PDB file of N, CA and C in Angstrom:
ATOM      1  N   UNK A   1       0.733  -1.145   0.030  1.00  0.00           N
ATOM      2  CA  UNK A   1       0.308   0.051   0.072  1.00  0.00           C
ATOM      3  C   UNK A   1       0.589   1.131   0.213  1.00  0.00           C
ATOM      4  N   UNK A   2       2.063   0.972   0.858  1.00  0.00           N
ATOM      5  CA  UNK A   2       2.935   2.660   0.925  1.00  0.00           C
ATOM      6  C   UNK A   2       3.328   2.674  -0.584  1.00  0.00           C
ATOM      7  N   UNK A   3       4.087   1.750  -1.116  1.00  0.00           N
ATOM      8  CA  UNK A   3       4.789   1.909  -2.615  1.00  0.00           C
ATOM      9  C   UNK A   3       3.658   2.288  -3.580  1.00  0.00           C
ATOM     10  N   UNK A   4       2.232   1.844  -3.604  1.00  0.00           N
ATOM     11  CA  UNK A   4       1.510   2.204  -4.358  1.00  0.00           C
ATOM     12  C   UNK A   4       0.595   3.978  -4.054  1.00  0.00           C
ATOM     13  N   UNK A   5       0.778   4.246  -2.902  1.00  0.00           N
ATOM     14  CA  UNK A   5       0.776   5.170  -2.530  1.00  0.00           C
ATOM     15  C   UNK A   5       1.821   6.462  -3.092  1.00  0.00           C
ATOM     16  N   UNK A   6       2.999   6.083  -2.983  1.00  0.00           N
ATOM     17  CA  UNK A   6       4.165   6.611  -3.354  1.00  0.00           C
ATOM     18  C   UNK A   6       3.983   6.760  -4.911  1.00  0.00           C
ATOM     19  N   UNK A   7       3.986   5.573  -5.530  1.00  0.00           N
ATOM     20  CA  UNK A   7       3.355   5.974  -7.040  1.00  0.00           C
ATOM     21  C   UNK A   7       2.393   6.766  -7.446  1.00  0.00           C
ATOM     22  N   UNK A   8       1.522   6.715  -6.788  1.00  0.00           N
ATOM     23  CA  UNK A   8       0.319   7.796  -6.985  1.00  0.00           C
ATOM     24  C   UNK A   8       0.588   8.876  -6.868  1.00  0.00           C
ATOM     25  N   UNK A   9       1.514   9.433  -5.831  1.00  0.00           N
ATOM     26  CA  UNK A   9       1.919  10.855  -5.643  1.00  0.00           C
ATOM     27  C   UNK A   9       2.607  11.097  -6.749  1.00  0.00           C
ATOM     28  N   UNK A  10       4.006  10.426  -7.445  1.00  0.00           N
ATOM     29  CA  UNK A  10       4.760  10.583  -8.339  1.00  0.00           C
ATOM     30  C   UNK A  10       3.846  10.540  -9.603  1.00  0.00           C
ATOM     31  N   UNK A  11       3.113   9.887 -10.013  1.00  0.00           N
ATOM     32  CA  UNK A  11       2.190  10.298 -11.224  1.00  0.00           C
ATOM     33  C   UNK A  11       1.327  11.451 -11.218  1.00  0.00           C
ATOM     34  N   UNK A  12       0.775  11.904 -10.044  1.00  0.00           N
ATOM     35  CA  UNK A  12       0.048  13.178  -9.915  1.00  0.00           C
ATOM     36  C   UNK A  12       1.215  14.588 -10.025  1.00  0.00           C
ATOM     37  N   UNK A  13       2.197  14.023  -9.511  1.00  0.00           N
ATOM     38  CA  UNK A  13       3.346  15.458 -10.035  1.00  0.00           C
ATOM     39  C   UNK A  13       3.679  15.585 -11.158  1.00  0.00           C
ATOM     40  N   UNK A  14       3.679  14.305 -11.742  1.00  0.00           N
ATOM     41  CA  UNK A  14       4.254  14.390 -13.231  1.00  0.00           C
ATOM     42  C   UNK A  14       3.261  14.830 -13.990  1.00  0.00           C
ATOM     43  N   UNK A  15       2.003  14.589 -13.694  1.00  0.00           N
ATOM     44  CA  UNK A  15       0.572  15.330 -14.549  1.00  0.00           C
ATOM     45  C   UNK A  15       0.490  16.627 -14.290  1.00  0.00           C
ATOM     46  N   UNK A  16       1.026  17.190 -13.189  1.00  0.00           N
ATOM     47  CA  UNK A  16       0.833  18.531 -12.611  1.00  0.00           C
ATOM     48  C   UNK A  16       2.132  19.409 -13.538  1.00  0.00           C
ATOM     49  N   UNK A  17       3.306  18.704 -13.273  1.00  0.00           N
ATOM     50  CA  UNK A  17       4.559  18.951 -14.194  1.00  0.00           C
ATOM     51  C   UNK A  17       4.100  19.466 -15.850  1.00  0.00           C
ATOM     52  N   UNK A  18       3.360  18.859 -16.311  1.00  0.00           N
ATOM     53  CA  UNK A  18       2.896  18.334 -17.679  1.00  0.00           C
ATOM     54  C   UNK A  18       1.770  19.748 -18.217  1.00  0.00           C
ATOM     55  N   UNK A  19       0.871  19.915 -16.873  1.00  0.00           N
ATOM     56  CA  UNK A  19      -0.160  21.052 -17.166  1.00  0.00           C
ATOM     57  C   UNK A  19       0.600  22.471 -17.374  1.00  0.00           C
ATOM     58  N   UNK A  20       2.073  22.392 -16.666  1.00  0.00           N
ATOM     59  CA  UNK A  20       2.607  24.366 -16.995  1.00  0.00           C
ATOM     60  C   UNK A  20       2.133  24.724 -15.532  1.00  0.00           C
ATOM     61  N   UNK A  21       2.363  26.019 -15.664  1.00  0.00           N
ATOM     62  CA  UNK A  21       2.308  26.868 -14.536  1.00  0.00           C
ATOM     63  C   UNK A  21       0.854  27.244 -14.053  1.00  0.00           C
ATOM     64  N   UNK A  22       0.040  26.908 -15.006  1.00  0.00           N
ATOM     65  CA  UNK A  22      -1.845  27.417 -14.641  1.00  0.00           C
ATOM     66  C   UNK A  22      -2.342  26.069 -14.602  1.00  0.00           C
ATOM     67  N   UNK A  23      -2.498  24.994 -13.950  1.00  0.00           N
ATOM     68  CA  UNK A  23      -3.309  23.903 -14.291  1.00  0.00           C
ATOM     69  C   UNK A  23      -4.763  24.254 -13.973  1.00  0.00           C
ATOM     70  N   UNK A  24      -5.671  23.830 -14.612  1.00  0.00           N
ATOM     71  CA  UNK A  24      -7.049  24.282 -14.392  1.00  0.00           C
ATOM     72  C   UNK A  24      -7.506  23.297 -12.857  1.00  0.00           C
ATOM     73  N   UNK A  25      -8.407  24.209 -12.192  1.00  0.00           N
ATOM     74  CA  UNK A  25      -8.921  23.674 -10.993  1.00  0.00           C
ATOM     75  C   UNK A  25      -9.340  22.275 -11.032  1.00  0.00           C
ATOM     76  N   UNK A  26      -9.951  21.533 -11.891  1.00  0.00           N
ATOM     77  CA  UNK A  26     -10.252  20.398 -12.200  1.00  0.00           C
ATOM     78  C   UNK A  26      -9.245  19.456 -11.927  1.00  0.00           C
ATOM     79  N   UNK A  27      -7.826  19.312 -12.522  1.00  0.00           N
ATOM     80  CA  UNK A  27      -7.154  18.859 -12.490  1.00  0.00           C
ATOM     81  C   UNK A  27      -5.970  19.001 -11.368  1.00  0.00           C
ATOM     82  N   UNK A  28      -6.002  20.419 -10.517  1.00  0.00           N
ATOM     83  CA  UNK A  28      -4.997  20.670  -9.761  1.00  0.00           C
ATOM     84  C   UNK A  28      -5.732  20.193  -8.254  1.00  0.00           C
ATOM     85  N   UNK A  29      -6.843  20.294  -8.362  1.00  0.00           N
ATOM     86  CA  UNK A  29      -7.522  19.855  -6.928  1.00  0.00           C
ATOM     87  C   UNK A  29      -7.030  18.453  -6.452  1.00  0.00           C
ATOM     88  N   UNK A  30      -7.348  17.615  -7.586  1.00  0.00           N
ATOM     89  CA  UNK A  30      -7.287  16.152  -7.428  1.00  0.00           C
ATOM     90  C   UNK A  30      -6.025  15.821  -7.389  1.00  0.00           C
ATOM     91  N   UNK A  31      -5.295  16.437  -7.928  1.00  0.00           N
ATOM     92  CA  UNK A  31      -3.694  16.078  -7.898  1.00  0.00           C
ATOM     93  C   UNK A  31      -2.971  16.240  -6.948  1.00  0.00           C
ATOM     94  N   UNK A  32      -3.224  17.480  -6.453  1.00  0.00           N
ATOM     95  CA  UNK A  32      -2.796  17.931  -5.277  1.00  0.00           C
ATOM     96  C   UNK A  32      -3.398  16.795  -3.655  1.00  0.00           C
ATOM     97  N   UNK A  33      -4.869  16.305  -3.904  1.00  0.00           N
ATOM     98  CA  UNK A  33      -5.158  15.526  -2.726  1.00  0.00           C
ATOM     99  C   UNK A  33      -4.341  13.978  -2.964  1.00  0.00           C
ATOM    100  N   UNK A  34      -4.221  13.552  -4.148  1.00  0.00           N
ATOM    101  CA  UNK A  34      -3.422  12.348  -4.502  1.00  0.00           C
ATOM    102  C   UNK A  34      -2.091  12.630  -4.053  1.00  0.00           C
ATOM    103  N   UNK A  35      -1.186  13.711  -4.394  1.00  0.00           N
ATOM    104  CA  UNK A  35      -0.022  13.786  -3.511  1.00  0.00           C
ATOM    105  C   UNK A  35      -0.068  14.085  -2.043  1.00  0.00           C
ATOM    106  N   UNK A  36      -0.892  14.423  -1.828  1.00  0.00           N
ATOM    107  CA  UNK A  36      -1.015  14.622  -0.196  1.00  0.00           C
ATOM    108  C   UNK A  36      -1.245  13.216   0.401  1.00  0.00           C
ATOM    109  N   UNK A  37      -2.165  12.228   0.065  1.00  0.00           N
ATOM    110  CA  UNK A  37      -2.609  11.171   0.565  1.00  0.00           C
ATOM    111  C   UNK A  37      -1.426  10.005  -0.124  1.00  0.00           C
ATOM    112  N   UNK A  38      -1.178  10.341  -1.324  1.00  0.00           N
ATOM    113  CA  UNK A  38       0.166   8.950  -1.427  1.00  0.00           C
ATOM    114  C   UNK A  38       1.564   9.199  -0.884  1.00  0.00           C
ATOM    115  N   UNK A  39       1.662  10.538  -0.463  1.00  0.00           N
ATOM    116  CA  UNK A  39       2.646  10.795   0.334  1.00  0.00           C
ATOM    117  C   UNK A  39       2.507  10.484   1.707  1.00  0.00           C
ATOM    118  N   UNK A  40       1.835  10.405   2.166  1.00  0.00           N
ATOM    119  CA  UNK A  40       1.363  10.281   3.754  1.00  0.00           C
ATOM    120  C   UNK A  40       1.120   8.817   4.202  1.00  0.00           C
ATOM    121  N   UNK A  41       0.839   8.114   2.984  1.00  0.00           N
ATOM    122  CA  UNK A  41       0.661   6.754   2.951  1.00  0.00           C
ATOM    123  C   UNK A  41       2.187   6.062   2.838  1.00  0.00           C
ATOM    124  N   UNK A  42       2.768   6.352   1.879  1.00  0.00           N
ATOM    125  CA  UNK A  42       4.228   5.910   1.457  1.00  0.00           C
ATOM    126  C   UNK A  42       5.127   6.595   2.816  1.00  0.00           C
ATOM    127  N   UNK A  43       5.170   7.808   3.606  1.00  0.00           N
ATOM    128  CA  UNK A  43       5.947   8.054   4.605  1.00  0.00           C
ATOM    129  C   UNK A  43       5.471   6.962   5.967  1.00  0.00           C
ATOM    130  N   UNK A  44       4.173   6.448   6.475  1.00  0.00           N
ATOM    131  CA  UNK A  44       3.686   5.783   7.208  1.00  0.00           C
ATOM    132  C   UNK A  44       4.097   4.348   6.708  1.00  0.00           C
ATOM    133  N   UNK A  45       4.494   3.718   5.279  1.00  0.00           N
ATOM    134  CA  UNK A  45       4.948   2.447   5.369  1.00  0.00           C
ATOM    135  C   UNK A  45       6.334   2.727   5.815  1.00  0.00           C
ATOM    136  N   UNK A  46       6.909   3.646   5.596  1.00  0.00           N
ATOM    137  CA  UNK A  46       8.552   3.977   5.960  1.00  0.00           C
ATOM    138  C   UNK A  46       8.557   3.469   7.375  1.00  0.00           C
ATOM    139  N   UNK A  47       8.024   4.431   8.156  1.00  0.00           N
ATOM    140  CA  UNK A  47       8.199   4.345   9.630  1.00  0.00           C
ATOM    141  C   UNK A  47       7.690   2.867   9.713  1.00  0.00           C
ATOM    142  N   UNK A  48       6.559   2.277   9.400  1.00  0.00           N
ATOM    143  CA  UNK A  48       6.418   0.884   9.815  1.00  0.00           C
ATOM    144  C   UNK A  48       7.575  -0.317   9.703  1.00  0.00           C
ATOM    145  N   UNK A  49       8.268  -0.054   8.484  1.00  0.00           N
ATOM    146  CA  UNK A  49       9.140  -0.667   8.070  1.00  0.00           C
ATOM    147  C   UNK A  49      10.230  -0.608   9.246  1.00  0.00           C
ATOM    148  N   UNK A  50      10.489   0.855   9.121  1.00  0.00           N
ATOM    149  CA  UNK A  50      11.517   1.340  10.231  1.00  0.00           C
ATOM    150  C   UNK A  50      11.593   0.641  11.945  1.00  0.00           C
ATOM    151  N   UNK A  51      10.346   0.755  12.152  1.00  0.00           N
ATOM    152  CA  UNK A  51       9.993   0.385  13.415  1.00  0.00           C
ATOM    153  C   UNK A  51       9.729  -1.292  13.723  1.00  0.00           C
ATOM    154  N   UNK A  52       9.448  -1.848  12.401  1.00  0.00           N
ATOM    155  CA  UNK A  52       9.794  -3.443  12.175  1.00  0.00           C
ATOM    156  C   UNK A  52      11.124  -4.045  12.486  1.00  0.00           C
ATOM    157  N   UNK A  53      11.786  -3.432  11.624  1.00  0.00           N
ATOM    158  CA  UNK A  53      13.587  -3.585  11.374  1.00  0.00           C
ATOM    159  C   UNK A  53      14.266  -3.241  12.734  1.00  0.00           C
ATOM    160  N   UNK A  54      13.367  -2.557  13.724  1.00  0.00           N
ATOM    161  CA  UNK A  54      14.284  -1.815  15.006  1.00  0.00           C
ATOM    162  C   UNK A  54      15.320  -0.830  14.410  1.00  0.00           C
ATOM    163  N   UNK A  55      15.119  -0.146  13.249  1.00  0.00           N
ATOM    164  CA  UNK A  55      15.922   0.906  13.243  1.00  0.00           C
ATOM    165  C   UNK A  55      15.146   2.002  13.565  1.00  0.00           C
ATOM    166  N   UNK A  56      14.066   2.151  14.403  1.00  0.00           N
ATOM    167  CA  UNK A  56      13.534   2.895  14.851  1.00  0.00           C
ATOM    168  C   UNK A  56      13.264   2.821  16.034  1.00  0.00           C
ATOM    169  N   UNK A  57      13.125   3.559  17.093  1.00  0.00           N
ATOM    170  CA  UNK A  57      12.262   3.289  18.818  1.00  0.00           C
ATOM    171  C   UNK A  57      11.088   3.782  18.515  1.00  0.00           C
ATOM    172  N   UNK A  58      10.201   2.785  19.241  1.00  0.00           N
ATOM    173  CA  UNK A  58       8.725   3.109  19.361  1.00  0.00           C
ATOM    174  C   UNK A  58       8.511   4.055  20.253  1.00  0.00           C
ATOM    175  N   UNK A  59       9.602   4.795  21.597  1.00  0.00           N
ATOM    176  CA  UNK A  59       8.980   5.716  22.450  1.00  0.00           C
ATOM    177  C   UNK A  59       8.968   7.158  21.848  1.00  0.00           C
ATOM    178  N   UNK A  60       8.119   7.885  22.824  1.00  0.00           N
ATOM    179  CA  UNK A  60       7.764   8.898  21.900  1.00  0.00           C
ATOM    180  C   UNK A  60       8.520  10.066  22.368  1.00  0.00           C
ATOM    181  N   UNK A  61       8.419  10.950  21.406  1.00  0.00           N
ATOM    182  CA  UNK A  61       9.711  12.031  21.619  1.00  0.00           C
ATOM    183  C   UNK A  61       8.576  13.290  22.716  1.00  0.00           C
ATOM    184  N   UNK A  62       9.493  13.515  23.613  1.00  0.00           N
ATOM    185  CA  UNK A  62       8.902  14.212  24.934  1.00  0.00           C
ATOM    186  C   UNK A  62       9.571  15.677  24.777  1.00  0.00           C
ATOM    187  N   UNK A  63       9.055  16.568  25.127  1.00  0.00           N
ATOM    188  CA  UNK A  63       9.798  17.811  25.466  1.00  0.00           C
ATOM    189  C   UNK A  63       9.941  18.207  27.155  1.00  0.00           C
ATOM    190  N   UNK A  64      10.576  18.790  27.342  1.00  0.00           N
ATOM    191  CA  UNK A  64      10.712  19.184  28.887  1.00  0.00           C
ATOM    192  C   UNK A  64       9.551  20.281  29.261  1.00  0.00           C
ATOM    193  N   UNK A  65       8.778  20.217  30.231  1.00  0.00           N
ATOM    194  CA  UNK A  65       7.922  20.872  30.483  1.00  0.00           C
ATOM    195  C   UNK A  65       6.159  19.956  30.006  1.00  0.00           C
ATOM    196  N   UNK A  66       6.621  19.422  29.484  1.00  0.00           N
ATOM    197  CA  UNK A  66       5.388  18.328  28.482  1.00  0.00           C
ATOM    198  C   UNK A  66       4.880  17.802  29.829  1.00  0.00           C
ATOM    199  N   UNK A  67       3.789  17.331  29.701  1.00  0.00           N
ATOM    200  CA  UNK A  67       2.857  16.818  30.530  1.00  0.00           C
ATOM    201  C   UNK A  67       2.566  15.216  30.229  1.00  0.00           C
TER     202      UNK A  67
END
């Protein structure tokens, strides 16, 4: 799912680049939506992989003064 999301984001970026500097709203809105959703899916997949391979700890990041 993550790689498919990344691929969808790349296809949407390429479509936006092909349209030039002022793409129509009917193309721009779905493309940007696909880029955001695909990127989030790909990033989540990378984080899950890193946690499963013990490359990343599961402990939360806390700041001083945080409750």
